[in-house]
Amino acid sequence: MRRQRAKHAPVPVVSSYRGRGFRQAALWLAAAPALPGLALILIRPLGMRFSGFLLMALAAVLLAEGYLQRWPSRSRAGWWCQLAFRAALALVLVPLVLIETCVIHEGRKEPPQEPADAVIVLGAGVNGNQPSLSLKTRLDAALVYLKADPDVPVVLTGGQGYGEEITEAQCMYNYLTENGVDGDQLILEEAATTTAENFAFSRELLMEAGVPPPSDTVAVVTNDFHIARAKLLAARNGYGHAVGVPAELPWVHLQINYYLREAFAMVKSFLLD
């Protein structure tokens, strides 16, 4: 009698791409930042448009990674493309993280205790003839600083931008004098339109006031996230000892937005200003 062979149940084929499929799904879900990012770009809430672009960039990176995950693991071209993409991403992110660390470190420093030979208040936006939120925080920080040293010369630097009825310097002058600062100690610089110009044009005014920036201490009042870049540009414009007086924005989401944006602004200023 012929012996019948035992029938075995078919062995299920486990797809080598199952794990990769889960990773792809996670990456596609992670691309959800595109929705709030687009909303921030279109609605443009106070100071948050940059965060919208950053979220869109994050979504693009995640989608690119998800697409590269779809390439077969046996494909040498796919492996090299994925490696090149991740290497390029690291080359961008690592310097930005280091720069961001510097920005945060400088912004978190306490204001200097020793008196300065002069003060520069850097301008920011003006809404009509009233200071914007960013400018108001700088002016309030200047008021606190000037209480300890009421006789120091102060340069208010900032020109007139689009939609501004007066120069930033004039707006600052109005605010400070309305809050008790003697107008005789205030020096207006009304031509600058960039931070680099703030320092370049203020330097001449300080020299005329008998405060040579190369040798004397100059306190720079600006927002905390802006301190690192301000000190970089001050040094480039011949300020030998510039110290930061930080002003803090009131809301956490604005702080995060501007601190992240400042890392990119630092790169721009380092290369172009």
Protein backbone atom coordinates (compact mmCIF):
# COMPACT_ATOMS: atom_id res chain seq x y z
CA MET A 1 0.00 0.00 0.00
CA ARG A 2 1.29 3.38 -0.96
CA ARG A 3 1.95 5.57 2.06
CA GLN A 4 0.28 8.95 1.85
CA ARG A 5 2.36 11.95 2.69
CA ALA A 6 1.14 14.07 5.53
CA LYS A 7 -0.19 17.40 4.43
CA HIS A 8 1.29 20.37 6.21
CA ALA A 9 -0.40 23.70 6.58
CA PRO A 10 1.15 26.35 4.34
CA VAL A 11 3.77 28.41 6.07
CA PRO A 12 2.68 32.06 6.11
CA VAL A 13 5.06 34.42 4.38
CA VAL A 14 5.98 37.21 6.71
CA SER A 15 6.50 40.36 4.73
CA SER A 16 9.85 41.92 5.31
CA TYR A 17 8.16 45.21 4.75
CA ARG A 18 5.63 44.94 7.59
CA GLY A 19 7.82 46.84 10.05
CA ARG A 20 8.65 49.33 7.38
CA GLY A 21 4.94 49.78 6.69
CA PHE A 22 4.33 50.72 10.30
CA ARG A 23 7.18 53.21 10.12
CA GLN A 24 5.72 54.71 6.97
CA ALA A 25 2.32 55.05 8.60
CA ALA A 26 3.86 56.77 11.61
CA LEU A 27 5.76 59.16 9.38
CA TRP A 28 2.69 60.02 7.34
CA LEU A 29 0.77 60.69 10.53
CA ALA A 30 3.66 62.79 11.80
CA ALA A 31 3.26 64.95 8.70
CA ALA A 32 0.20 66.44 10.43
CA PRO A 33 2.26 69.57 11.33
CA ALA A 34 1.47 70.72 7.79
CA LEU A 35 -2.10 71.59 8.81
CA PRO A 36 -1.35 73.93 11.74
CA GLY A 37 1.64 75.23 9.82
CA LEU A 38 -0.53 76.25 6.88
CA ALA A 39 -3.03 77.83 9.27
CA LEU A 40 -0.32 79.94 10.92
CA ILE A 41 0.95 81.11 7.53
CA LEU A 42 -2.51 82.08 6.26
CA ILE A 43 -4.03 83.52 9.46
CA ARG A 44 -0.77 85.20 10.56
CA PRO A 45 -1.37 85.55 14.31
CA LEU A 46 0.94 87.87 16.26
CA GLY A 47 4.54 87.01 15.40
CA MET A 48 3.78 83.34 14.69
CA ARG A 49 4.13 83.14 10.91
CA PHE A 50 7.69 81.79 11.17
CA SER A 51 6.42 78.86 13.24
CA GLY A 52 4.04 78.08 10.39
CA PHE A 53 6.90 77.85 7.90
CA LEU A 54 8.90 75.77 10.37
CA LEU A 55 6.02 73.30 10.76
CA MET A 56 5.67 73.06 6.99
CA ALA A 57 9.40 72.34 6.71
CA LEU A 58 9.08 69.65 9.38
CA ALA A 59 6.22 68.07 7.48
CA ALA A 60 8.28 68.09 4.27
CA VAL A 61 11.20 66.36 6.01
CA LEU A 62 8.92 63.69 7.47
CA LEU A 63 7.23 63.07 4.14
CA ALA A 64 10.60 62.79 2.40
CA GLU A 65 11.74 60.27 4.99
CA GLY A 66 8.52 58.31 4.56
CA TYR A 67 8.99 58.23 0.79
CA LEU A 68 12.58 57.03 1.11
CA GLN A 69 11.41 54.26 3.47
CA ARG A 70 9.36 52.82 0.62
CA TRP A 71 12.41 51.95 -1.42
CA PRO A 72 13.30 48.23 -1.24
CA SER A 73 16.03 47.44 1.25
CA ARG A 74 17.91 45.50 -1.43
CA SER A 75 18.15 48.56 -3.65
CA ARG A 76 21.60 50.08 -3.41
CA ALA A 77 20.35 53.32 -4.96
CA GLY A 78 17.61 53.58 -2.32
CA TRP A 79 20.10 52.98 0.48
CA TRP A 80 22.45 55.67 -0.82
CA CYS A 81 19.63 58.18 -1.30
CA GLN A 82 18.42 57.61 2.25
CA LEU A 83 21.94 57.96 3.62
CA ALA A 84 22.54 61.17 1.64
CA PHE A 85 19.25 62.64 2.83
CA ARG A 86 19.99 61.91 6.48
CA ALA A 87 23.56 63.19 6.19
CA ALA A 88 22.32 66.46 4.64
CA LEU A 89 19.73 66.77 7.38
CA ALA A 90 22.39 66.29 10.05
CA LEU A 91 24.64 68.89 8.40
CA VAL A 92 21.81 71.41 8.72
CA LEU A 93 20.46 70.46 12.13
CA VAL A 94 23.69 70.06 14.11
CA PRO A 95 24.96 73.63 13.45
CA LEU A 96 21.46 75.02 14.08
CA VAL A 97 21.26 73.23 17.43
CA LEU A 98 24.66 74.63 18.43
CA ILE A 99 23.64 78.14 17.37
CA GLU A 100 20.32 77.81 19.20
CA THR A 101 22.19 76.77 22.34
CA CYS A 102 24.28 79.95 22.10
CA VAL A 103 21.16 82.08 21.55
CA ILE A 104 19.45 80.60 24.61
CA HIS A 105 22.58 80.90 26.75
CA GLU A 106 23.03 84.60 25.97
CA GLY A 107 19.33 85.34 26.35
CA ARG A 108 19.11 83.74 29.79
CA LYS A 109 21.98 85.75 31.28
CA GLU A 110 21.18 88.20 34.05
CA PRO A 111 21.53 91.94 33.27
CA PRO A 112 24.94 93.38 34.15
CA GLN A 113 25.33 94.81 37.65
CA GLU A 114 28.16 97.22 36.87
CA PRO A 115 27.18 100.65 35.46
CA ALA A 116 27.66 101.19 31.74
CA ASP A 117 29.16 104.24 30.06
CA ALA A 118 26.23 104.42 27.65
CA VAL A 119 23.02 102.59 26.74
CA ILE A 120 21.65 101.67 23.33
CA VAL A 121 17.98 100.70 23.02
CA LEU A 122 17.44 98.80 19.76
CA GLY A 123 14.26 99.64 17.91
CA ALA A 124 11.46 97.28 16.92
CA GLY A 125 8.12 97.66 15.19
CA VAL A 126 5.77 100.58 15.76
CA ASN A 127 1.99 100.26 15.38
CA GLY A 128 1.01 103.66 14.05
CA ASN A 129 2.65 105.81 16.70
CA GLN A 130 2.55 103.28 19.54
CA PRO A 131 5.23 100.72 20.42
CA SER A 132 4.63 97.14 19.40
CA LEU A 133 4.67 94.42 22.03
CA SER A 134 8.33 93.66 21.34
CA LEU A 135 9.34 97.32 21.51
CA LYS A 136 7.32 97.94 24.67
CA THR A 137 9.10 95.12 26.49
CA ARG A 138 12.45 96.65 25.48
CA LEU A 139 11.39 100.07 26.73
CA ASP A 140 10.15 98.67 30.03
CA ALA A 141 13.49 96.89 30.50
CA ALA A 142 15.26 100.17 29.73
CA LEU A 143 13.17 101.97 32.36
CA VAL A 144 14.19 99.43 35.00
CA TYR A 145 17.85 99.68 34.01
CA LEU A 146 17.85 103.49 33.96
CA LYS A 147 16.46 103.70 37.49
CA ALA A 148 19.81 102.40 38.72
CA ASP A 149 21.80 104.75 36.47
CA PRO A 150 19.61 107.75 35.60
CA ASP A 151 22.35 109.99 34.17
CA VAL A 152 23.85 107.66 31.56
CA PRO A 153 23.51 108.78 27.90
CA VAL A 154 20.98 106.69 25.98
CA VAL A 155 20.86 106.21 22.21
CA LEU A 156 17.43 105.30 20.84
CA THR A 157 18.02 103.77 17.43
CA GLY A 158 15.49 102.89 14.75
CA GLY A 159 14.14 104.42 11.55
CA GLN A 160 10.64 104.45 10.10
CA GLY A 161 9.20 101.33 8.53
CA TYR A 162 6.13 100.51 6.49
CA GLY A 163 2.90 101.41 8.31
CA GLU A 164 4.72 103.40 10.98
CA GLU A 165 3.62 107.01 11.45
CA ILE A 166 6.81 107.99 13.30
CA THR A 167 10.32 106.61 13.59
CA GLU A 168 11.04 103.89 16.12
CA ALA A 169 13.46 106.27 17.84
CA GLN A 170 10.78 108.96 18.22
CA CYS A 171 8.30 106.40 19.52
CA MET A 172 10.84 105.28 22.12
CA TYR A 173 11.57 108.88 23.08
CA ASN A 174 7.86 109.57 23.62
CA TYR A 175 7.37 106.46 25.75
CA LEU A 176 10.43 107.00 27.94
CA THR A 177 9.81 110.69 28.57
CA GLU A 178 6.16 109.96 29.40
CA ASN A 179 7.48 107.54 32.02
CA GLY A 180 9.82 109.98 33.72
CA VAL A 181 13.10 109.75 31.80
CA ASP A 182 14.86 113.08 31.24
CA GLY A 183 14.75 113.88 27.53
CA ASP A 184 18.16 115.58 27.71
CA GLN A 185 19.91 112.22 28.17
CA LEU A 186 18.20 110.67 25.15
CA ILE A 187 19.93 110.71 21.75
CA LEU A 188 17.80 109.85 18.72
CA GLU A 189 19.17 107.86 15.78
CA GLU A 190 16.38 107.79 13.19
CA ALA A 191 17.97 106.34 10.04
CA ALA A 192 18.77 102.68 10.83
CA THR A 193 16.61 99.94 9.35
CA THR A 194 18.61 96.86 10.45
CA THR A 195 20.39 95.77 13.62
CA ALA A 196 23.75 96.20 11.90
CA GLU A 197 22.84 99.78 10.99
CA ASN A 198 21.63 100.37 14.56
CA PHE A 199 25.16 99.81 15.81
CA ALA A 200 26.95 101.49 12.92
CA PHE A 201 24.94 104.72 13.12
CA SER A 202 24.83 104.78 16.93
CA ARG A 203 28.62 104.49 17.06
CA GLU A 204 29.05 107.95 15.55
CA LEU A 205 26.56 109.48 17.98
CA LEU A 206 28.31 107.89 20.95
CA MET A 207 31.64 109.24 19.78
CA GLU A 208 30.11 112.72 19.62
CA ALA A 209 28.75 112.23 23.16
CA GLY A 210 32.24 111.40 24.43
CA VAL A 211 31.66 107.65 24.80
CA PRO A 212 34.07 105.79 22.48
CA PRO A 213 32.53 102.33 21.86
CA PRO A 214 35.88 100.57 21.31
CA SER A 215 36.96 101.16 24.92
CA ASP A 216 33.84 101.96 26.96
CA THR A 217 31.08 99.65 28.20
CA VAL A 218 27.81 99.94 26.28
CA ALA A 219 24.64 98.28 27.59
CA VAL A 220 22.41 97.05 24.76
CA VAL A 221 18.70 96.79 25.56
CA THR A 222 16.84 94.35 23.34
CA ASN A 223 14.72 91.21 23.61
CA ASP A 224 16.37 88.21 25.26
CA PHE A 225 16.29 86.08 22.10
CA HIS A 226 18.08 88.92 20.25
CA ILE A 227 21.00 89.38 22.68
CA ALA A 228 23.41 86.93 21.00
CA ARG A 229 22.99 88.46 17.54
CA ALA A 230 23.12 91.99 18.93
CA LYS A 231 26.45 91.29 20.63
CA LEU A 232 27.82 89.70 17.44
CA LEU A 233 26.93 92.76 15.37
CA ALA A 234 28.13 95.14 18.06
CA ALA A 235 31.56 93.50 18.00
CA ARG A 236 31.66 93.73 14.20
CA ASN A 237 30.96 97.46 14.42
CA GLY A 238 33.79 98.19 16.82
CA TYR A 239 32.12 97.92 20.21
CA GLY A 240 34.78 96.60 22.54
CA HIS A 241 32.55 95.74 25.49
CA ALA A 242 28.84 95.41 24.72
CA VAL A 243 26.68 93.83 27.43
CA GLY A 244 23.09 92.70 27.04
CA VAL A 245 20.06 93.93 28.96
CA PRO A 246 17.37 91.35 28.07
CA ALA A 247 13.66 92.07 27.72
CA GLU A 248 11.32 89.09 27.88
CA LEU A 249 8.15 88.64 25.84
CA PRO A 250 5.09 87.80 27.96
CA TRP A 251 3.85 84.58 26.31
CA VAL A 252 5.61 81.24 26.07
CA HIS A 253 4.53 80.50 22.50
CA LEU A 254 6.03 83.80 21.35
CA GLN A 255 9.24 83.06 23.23
CA ILE A 256 9.56 79.67 21.53
CA ASN A 257 8.74 81.13 18.11
CA TYR A 258 11.29 83.95 18.31
CA TYR A 259 14.05 81.85 19.88
CA LEU A 260 13.75 79.32 17.05
CA ARG A 261 13.65 82.04 14.41
CA GLU A 262 16.72 83.71 15.86
CA ALA A 263 18.95 80.72 15.07
CA PHE A 264 18.29 81.29 11.36
CA ALA A 265 18.71 85.06 11.78
CA MET A 266 22.11 84.41 13.39
CA VAL A 267 23.23 82.49 10.30
CA LYS A 268 22.02 85.31 8.05
CA SER A 269 23.78 87.99 10.11
CA PHE A 270 26.99 85.97 10.35
CA LEU A 271 27.17 85.58 6.58
CA LEU A 272 25.74 88.87 5.32
CA ASP A 273 25.76 91.62 7.97
